[in-house]
């Protein structure tokens, strides 16, 4: 695995959490829009209530999944930040942090750091090589 692929895993993890949150919102909307028909015979009422009950169970299960994913994401983010900071380079650390933890684009990073876009691209390449050198053992195992 390359350094870039490894560093991008955090963003992918974040995207998956957000997709699960969207799924949760849709499930909640479906449950909220399911009418409860009182006064109907027991078979129909039971069927509708059962759908709502199953929906609530699905919502709770999905919420648990999201919570687990958030815990994994936070641990992964903390590890990634520590790995970036361990490079101990005045340009590499802020650049990699802004790019792979804060998800900034190169134009924004260049502006924030006071450099040209081209310079940031060059430093990014060097930073990735430094990360690969420092963590070659880990990237090979991943």
C-alpha atoms as a PDB file:
ATOM      1  CA  UNK A   1       0.000   0.000   0.000  1.00  0.00           C
ATOM      2  CA  UNK A   2       1.295   3.462  -0.823  1.00  0.00           C
ATOM      3  CA  UNK A   3       1.512   6.278   1.710  1.00  0.00           C
ATOM      4  CA  UNK A   4      -1.177   8.184  -0.171  1.00  0.00           C
ATOM      5  CA  UNK A   5      -3.558   5.204  -0.102  1.00  0.00           C
ATOM      6  CA  UNK A   6      -2.907   4.730   3.602  1.00  0.00           C
ATOM      7  CA  UNK A   7      -3.448   8.403   4.406  1.00  0.00           C
ATOM      8  CA  UNK A   8      -6.659   8.544   2.335  1.00  0.00           C
ATOM      9  CA  UNK A   9      -8.234   5.752   4.386  1.00  0.00           C
ATOM     10  CA  UNK A  10      -9.337   8.283   6.990  1.00  0.00           C
ATOM     11  CA  UNK A  11     -11.379  10.244   4.450  1.00  0.00           C
ATOM     12  CA  UNK A  12     -12.942   7.051   3.095  1.00  0.00           C
ATOM     13  CA  UNK A  13     -13.870   6.065   6.646  1.00  0.00           C
ATOM     14  CA  UNK A  14     -15.437   9.501   7.156  1.00  0.00           C
ATOM     15  CA  UNK A  15     -17.454   9.126   3.938  1.00  0.00           C
ATOM     16  CA  UNK A  16     -18.772   5.732   5.068  1.00  0.00           C
ATOM     17  CA  UNK A  17     -19.890   7.175   8.411  1.00  0.00           C
ATOM     18  CA  UNK A  18     -21.704  10.010   6.653  1.00  0.00           C
ATOM     19  CA  UNK A  19     -23.433   7.552   4.311  1.00  0.00           C
ATOM     20  CA  UNK A  20     -24.626   5.524   7.286  1.00  0.00           C
ATOM     21  CA  UNK A  21     -25.923   8.731   8.870  1.00  0.00           C
ATOM     22  CA  UNK A  22     -27.870   9.502   5.686  1.00  0.00           C
ATOM     23  CA  UNK A  23     -29.259   5.961   5.712  1.00  0.00           C
ATOM     24  CA  UNK A  24     -30.275   6.451   9.346  1.00  0.00           C
ATOM     25  CA  UNK A  25     -32.077   9.699   8.502  1.00  0.00           C
ATOM     26  CA  UNK A  26     -33.955   7.943   5.686  1.00  0.00           C
ATOM     27  CA  UNK A  27     -34.969   5.083   7.996  1.00  0.00           C
ATOM     28  CA  UNK A  28     -36.192   7.529  10.605  1.00  0.00           C
ATOM     29  CA  UNK A  29     -38.198   9.356   7.969  1.00  0.00           C
ATOM     30  CA  UNK A  30     -39.800   6.117   6.791  1.00  0.00           C
ATOM     31  CA  UNK A  31     -40.712   5.149  10.339  1.00  0.00           C
ATOM     32  CA  UNK A  32     -42.077   8.613  11.044  1.00  0.00           C
ATOM     33  CA  UNK A  33     -44.227   8.549   7.932  1.00  0.00           C
ATOM     34  CA  UNK A  34     -45.717   5.100   8.600  1.00  0.00           C
ATOM     35  CA  UNK A  35     -49.316   5.673   9.664  1.00  0.00           C
ATOM     36  CA  UNK A  36     -50.682   3.808  12.625  1.00  0.00           C
ATOM     37  CA  UNK A  37     -54.246   2.870  11.786  1.00  0.00           C
ATOM     38  CA  UNK A  38     -56.250   2.600  14.945  1.00  0.00           C
ATOM     39  CA  UNK A  39     -59.696   1.103  14.814  1.00  0.00           C
ATOM     40  CA  UNK A  40     -58.812  -1.433  12.113  1.00  0.00           C
ATOM     41  CA  UNK A  41     -59.023  -5.110  12.817  1.00  0.00           C
ATOM     42  CA  UNK A  42     -56.193  -6.622  14.875  1.00  0.00           C
ATOM     43  CA  UNK A  43     -54.412  -8.306  11.962  1.00  0.00           C
ATOM     44  CA  UNK A  44     -53.870  -5.032  10.107  1.00  0.00           C
ATOM     45  CA  UNK A  45     -52.916  -3.079  13.218  1.00  0.00           C
ATOM     46  CA  UNK A  46     -50.462  -5.785  14.219  1.00  0.00           C
ATOM     47  CA  UNK A  47     -48.914  -5.756  10.736  1.00  0.00           C
ATOM     48  CA  UNK A  48     -48.375  -1.997  10.730  1.00  0.00           C
ATOM     49  CA  UNK A  49     -47.109  -1.951  14.320  1.00  0.00           C
ATOM     50  CA  UNK A  50     -44.767  -4.808  13.464  1.00  0.00           C
ATOM     51  CA  UNK A  51     -43.341  -2.777  10.547  1.00  0.00           C
ATOM     52  CA  UNK A  52     -42.785   0.190  12.820  1.00  0.00           C
ATOM     53  CA  UNK A  53     -41.232  -2.059  15.488  1.00  0.00           C
ATOM     54  CA  UNK A  54     -38.906  -3.639  12.926  1.00  0.00           C
ATOM     55  CA  UNK A  55     -38.011  -0.184  11.681  1.00  0.00           C
ATOM     56  CA  UNK A  56     -37.144   0.962  15.191  1.00  0.00           C
ATOM     57  CA  UNK A  57     -34.970  -2.133  15.665  1.00  0.00           C
ATOM     58  CA  UNK A  58     -33.207  -1.347  12.350  1.00  0.00           C
ATOM     59  CA  UNK A  59     -32.671   2.270  13.414  1.00  0.00           C
ATOM     60  CA  UNK A  60     -31.181   1.218  16.743  1.00  0.00           C
ATOM     61  CA  UNK A  61     -28.928  -1.343  15.060  1.00  0.00           C
ATOM     62  CA  UNK A  62     -27.721   1.191  12.520  1.00  0.00           C
ATOM     63  CA  UNK A  63     -27.113   3.762  15.266  1.00  0.00           C
ATOM     64  CA  UNK A  64     -24.943   1.194  17.075  1.00  0.00           C
ATOM     65  CA  UNK A  65     -23.004   0.578  13.839  1.00  0.00           C
ATOM     66  CA  UNK A  66     -22.452   4.307  13.408  1.00  0.00           C
ATOM     67  CA  UNK A  67     -21.236   4.652  16.990  1.00  0.00           C
ATOM     68  CA  UNK A  68     -18.767   1.781  16.481  1.00  0.00           C
ATOM     69  CA  UNK A  69     -17.535   3.335  13.227  1.00  0.00           C
ATOM     70  CA  UNK A  70     -17.050   6.705  14.942  1.00  0.00           C
ATOM     71  CA  UNK A  71     -14.935   5.060  17.639  1.00  0.00           C
ATOM     72  CA  UNK A  72     -12.804   3.335  14.964  1.00  0.00           C
ATOM     73  CA  UNK A  73     -12.530   6.604  13.026  1.00  0.00           C
ATOM     74  CA  UNK A  74     -11.378   8.556  16.092  1.00  0.00           C
ATOM     75  CA  UNK A  75      -8.741   5.962  16.939  1.00  0.00           C
ATOM     76  CA  UNK A  76      -7.534   5.882  13.331  1.00  0.00           C
ATOM     77  CA  UNK A  77      -7.432   9.685  13.186  1.00  0.00           C
ATOM     78  CA  UNK A  78      -5.424   9.875  16.415  1.00  0.00           C
ATOM     79  CA  UNK A  79      -2.951   7.284  15.106  1.00  0.00           C
ATOM     80  CA  UNK A  80      -2.640   9.084  11.782  1.00  0.00           C
ATOM     81  CA  UNK A  81      -2.017  12.453  13.440  1.00  0.00           C
ATOM     82  CA  UNK A  82       0.683  10.913  15.621  1.00  0.00           C
ATOM     83  CA  UNK A  83       2.318   9.295  12.592  1.00  0.00           C
ATOM     84  CA  UNK A  84       2.289  12.568  10.659  1.00  0.00           C
ATOM     85  CA  UNK A  85       3.693  14.499  13.621  1.00  0.00           C
ATOM     86  CA  UNK A  86       6.454  11.923  14.065  1.00  0.00           C
ATOM     87  CA  UNK A  87       7.896  13.016  10.716  1.00  0.00           C
ATOM     88  CA  UNK A  88       8.976  16.148  12.617  1.00  0.00           C
ATOM     89  CA  UNK A  89       9.433  18.250   9.490  1.00  0.00           C
ATOM     90  CA  UNK A  90       8.271  21.896   9.433  1.00  0.00           C
ATOM     91  CA  UNK A  91       6.609  21.634   6.010  1.00  0.00           C
ATOM     92  CA  UNK A  92       5.576  17.978   5.887  1.00  0.00           C
ATOM     93  CA  UNK A  93       3.615  17.919   9.150  1.00  0.00           C
ATOM     94  CA  UNK A  94       1.228  20.818   8.482  1.00  0.00           C
ATOM     95  CA  UNK A  95       0.813  19.881   4.814  1.00  0.00           C
ATOM     96  CA  UNK A  96      -0.069  16.241   5.474  1.00  0.00           C
ATOM     97  CA  UNK A  97      -2.324  17.237   8.381  1.00  0.00           C
ATOM     98  CA  UNK A  98      -4.228  19.768   6.282  1.00  0.00           C
ATOM     99  CA  UNK A  99      -4.520  17.356   3.361  1.00  0.00           C
ATOM    100  CA  UNK A 100      -5.341  14.032   5.041  1.00  0.00           C
ATOM    101  CA  UNK A 101      -6.916  14.989   8.371  1.00  0.00           C
ATOM    102  CA  UNK A 102      -8.711  18.219   7.468  1.00  0.00           C
ATOM    103  CA  UNK A 103      -9.319  17.190   3.795  1.00  0.00           C
ATOM    104  CA  UNK A 104      -8.177  20.542   2.370  1.00  0.00           C
ATOM    105  CA  UNK A 105      -7.374  20.857  -1.308  1.00  0.00           C
ATOM    106  CA  UNK A 106      -3.908  21.879  -2.497  1.00  0.00           C
ATOM    107  CA  UNK A 107      -5.024  25.392  -3.425  1.00  0.00           C
ATOM    108  CA  UNK A 108      -6.311  26.019   0.093  1.00  0.00           C
ATOM    109  CA  UNK A 109      -3.203  24.508   1.645  1.00  0.00           C
ATOM    110  CA  UNK A 110      -0.970  26.714  -0.499  1.00  0.00           C
ATOM    111  CA  UNK A 111      -2.913  29.791   0.562  1.00  0.00           C
ATOM    112  CA  UNK A 112      -2.928  28.816   4.265  1.00  0.00           C
ATOM    113  CA  UNK A 113       0.784  28.062   4.284  1.00  0.00           C
ATOM    114  CA  UNK A 114       1.762  31.057   2.140  1.00  0.00           C
ATOM    115  CA  UNK A 115       3.290  29.085  -0.726  1.00  0.00           C
ATOM    116  CA  UNK A 116       2.531  28.581  -4.392  1.00  0.00           C
ATOM    117  CA  UNK A 117       0.391  25.696  -5.567  1.00  0.00           C
ATOM    118  CA  UNK A 118       3.342  24.191  -7.443  1.00  0.00           C
ATOM    119  CA  UNK A 119       5.568  24.328  -4.367  1.00  0.00           C
ATOM    120  CA  UNK A 120       2.913  22.575  -2.263  1.00  0.00           C
ATOM    121  CA  UNK A 121       2.619  19.829  -4.896  1.00  0.00           C
ATOM    122  CA  UNK A 122       6.399  19.312  -4.789  1.00  0.00           C
ATOM    123  CA  UNK A 123       6.533  19.286  -0.987  1.00  0.00           C
ATOM    124  CA  UNK A 124       3.559  16.899  -0.906  1.00  0.00           C
ATOM    125  CA  UNK A 125       5.479  14.424  -3.058  1.00  0.00           C
ATOM    126  CA  UNK A 126       8.489  14.682  -0.746  1.00  0.00           C
ATOM    127  CA  UNK A 127       6.277  14.342   2.315  1.00  0.00           C
ATOM    128  CA  UNK A 128       4.703  11.167   0.939  1.00  0.00           C
ATOM    129  CA  UNK A 129       8.164   9.717   0.264  1.00  0.00           C
ATOM    130  CA  UNK A 130       9.248  10.595   3.799  1.00  0.00           C
ATOM    131  CA  UNK A 131       6.096   8.956   5.190  1.00  0.00           C
ATOM    132  CA  UNK A 132       6.726   5.835   3.089  1.00  0.00           C
ATOM    133  CA  UNK A 133      10.333   5.680   4.274  1.00  0.00           C
ATOM    134  CA  UNK A 134       9.370   6.121   7.943  1.00  0.00           C
ATOM    135  CA  UNK A 135       6.507   3.603   7.820  1.00  0.00           C
ATOM    136  CA  UNK A 136       7.654   1.177   5.114  1.00  0.00           C
ATOM    137  CA  UNK A 137       7.208  -1.760   7.495  1.00  0.00           C
ATOM    138  CA  UNK A 138       3.620  -0.795   8.240  1.00  0.00           C
ATOM    139  CA  UNK A 139       2.659  -0.006   4.642  1.00  0.00           C
ATOM    140  CA  UNK A 140       4.058  -3.337   3.479  1.00  0.00           C
ATOM    141  CA  UNK A 141       1.890  -5.165   6.030  1.00  0.00           C
ATOM    142  CA  UNK A 142      -1.283  -3.223   5.193  1.00  0.00           C
END
